[in-house]
Protein backbone atom coordinates (compact mmCIF):
# COMPACT_ATOMS: atom_id res chain seq x y z
CA MET A 1 -1.31 11.12 1.59
CA LYS A 2 1.76 9.69 3.21
CA VAL A 3 0.61 5.91 4.14
CA LEU A 4 4.24 4.54 4.85
CA LYS A 5 7.25 6.72 6.33
CA ILE A 6 10.68 7.01 8.17
CA ASP A 7 11.23 8.75 10.88
CA ASN A 8 13.33 7.96 14.07
CA SER A 9 15.25 4.94 12.24
CA GLN A 10 11.74 3.29 12.20
CA GLY A 11 9.19 2.50 9.93
CA TYR A 12 5.95 3.67 10.57
CA PHE A 13 2.66 3.05 8.36
CA LEU A 14 -0.61 5.17 8.32
CA THR A 15 -3.79 4.60 10.45
CA GLU A 16 -7.37 5.03 10.01
CA GLU A 17 -7.08 7.33 12.53
CA GLY A 18 -4.79 9.31 11.00
CA ASP A 19 -1.77 8.26 13.48
CA TYR A 20 1.20 6.63 12.63
CA LYS A 21 2.32 3.48 14.22
CA PRO A 22 5.43 1.13 14.14
CA ILE A 23 5.59 -1.04 10.91
CA ASP A 24 6.16 -4.30 12.87
CA LYS A 25 2.57 -3.83 14.32
CA LEU A 26 0.52 -3.96 10.85
CA ASP A 27 -2.17 -6.79 10.43
CA LYS A 28 -3.64 -7.97 7.50
CA ASN A 29 -6.50 -5.61 7.54
CA VAL A 30 -3.99 -2.61 7.61
CA LEU A 31 -2.36 -4.06 4.76
CA LEU A 32 -5.62 -4.68 3.45
CA ARG A 33 -6.50 -0.58 3.57
CA LEU A 34 -3.02 0.23 2.30
CA VAL A 35 -3.69 -1.58 -1.04
CA ASN A 36 -7.07 0.43 -1.62
CA VAL A 37 -4.93 3.43 -0.83
CA ALA A 38 -2.49 2.77 -3.08
CA LEU A 39 -5.08 2.14 -6.07
CA GLU A 40 -5.80 6.23 -5.14
CA ASP A 41 -4.24 9.26 -6.79
CA GLY A 42 -3.10 10.63 -3.88
CA PHE A 43 -0.69 8.05 -2.55
CA GLU A 44 2.80 8.65 -1.10
CA ILE A 45 5.12 6.56 0.46
CA ASP A 46 8.75 7.59 1.97
CA THR A 47 11.35 5.62 -0.20
CA TYR A 48 13.40 2.82 0.86
CA ASP A 49 16.54 3.41 2.74
CA GLU A 50 18.53 0.89 4.23
CA ALA A 51 20.63 3.60 5.82
CA LYS A 52 17.26 5.47 7.51
CA LEU A 53 15.70 2.08 8.88
CA ARG A 54 18.44 0.50 11.83
CA ASN A 55 15.55 -2.09 12.84
CA GLN A 56 16.37 -4.79 10.64
CA ALA A 57 12.69 -6.30 10.79
CA HIS A 58 11.24 -2.97 10.09
CA GLN A 59 13.86 -2.98 7.04
CA ILE A 60 12.68 -6.10 5.73
CA ILE A 61 8.95 -5.03 6.43
CA TYR A 62 9.22 -2.08 5.31
CA LYS A 63 11.14 -2.66 1.93
CA SER A 64 8.83 -6.05 0.79
CA ILE A 65 5.86 -3.71 1.31
CA SER A 66 6.71 -0.56 -0.26
CA GLU A 67 7.98 -1.43 -3.63
CA LYS A 68 4.60 -4.09 -3.82
CA LEU A 69 2.46 -1.22 -2.81
CA SER A 70 4.47 1.18 -4.91
CA ASP A 71 4.30 -0.87 -7.93
CA LEU A 72 0.70 -1.58 -7.59
CA HIS A 73 0.03 2.60 -7.24
CA GLN A 74 2.01 2.43 -10.65
CA ARG A 75 -0.10 0.06 -12.51
CA ARG A 76 -3.37 0.87 -10.83
CA GLN A 77 -5.07 2.16 -13.82
CA GLN A 78 -3.98 -1.45 -15.57
CA PHE A 79 -5.30 -3.27 -12.28
CA ARG A 80 -8.56 -0.96 -12.56
CA ASP A 81 -9.13 -2.15 -16.23
CA GLU A 82 -8.31 -5.57 -15.40
CA SER A 83 -10.67 -5.67 -12.35
CA GLU A 84 -13.73 -4.25 -14.40
CA ASN A 85 -13.31 -6.19 -17.78
CA MET A 86 -13.04 -9.46 -15.51
CA TYR A 87 -17.00 -9.35 -14.59
CA LEU A 88 -18.06 -7.12 -17.70
CA GLU A 89 -19.17 -10.16 -19.75
CA GLU A 90 -21.05 -11.81 -16.54
CA TYR A 91 -22.78 -8.05 -15.74
CA GLU A 92 -23.91 -7.43 -19.04
CA LYS A 93 -25.54 -11.11 -19.13
CA TYR A 94 -27.55 -10.32 -16.17
CA THR A 95 -28.58 -6.29 -16.94
CA ALA A 96 -30.04 -7.60 -20.64
């Protein structure tokens, strides 16, 4: 599932409805959803290319978000393991 794409010299993000909106319309709820999608296996984005993005605001936003989401996607198993281990001791304490 491609959640970030570059088209017509602008950056876009995938909405919950399945359409694409300009990346400068992104808010914290959308960003949280994109983080959750980055933790899944079918995650895809277009590679950042400054030449394809003419809008400077889109360049800054797209570059920052795409780098962070790509990094998270690459380290998703490590992130899951750390998240699960964080509360494992407390979970075991209360389930015993």
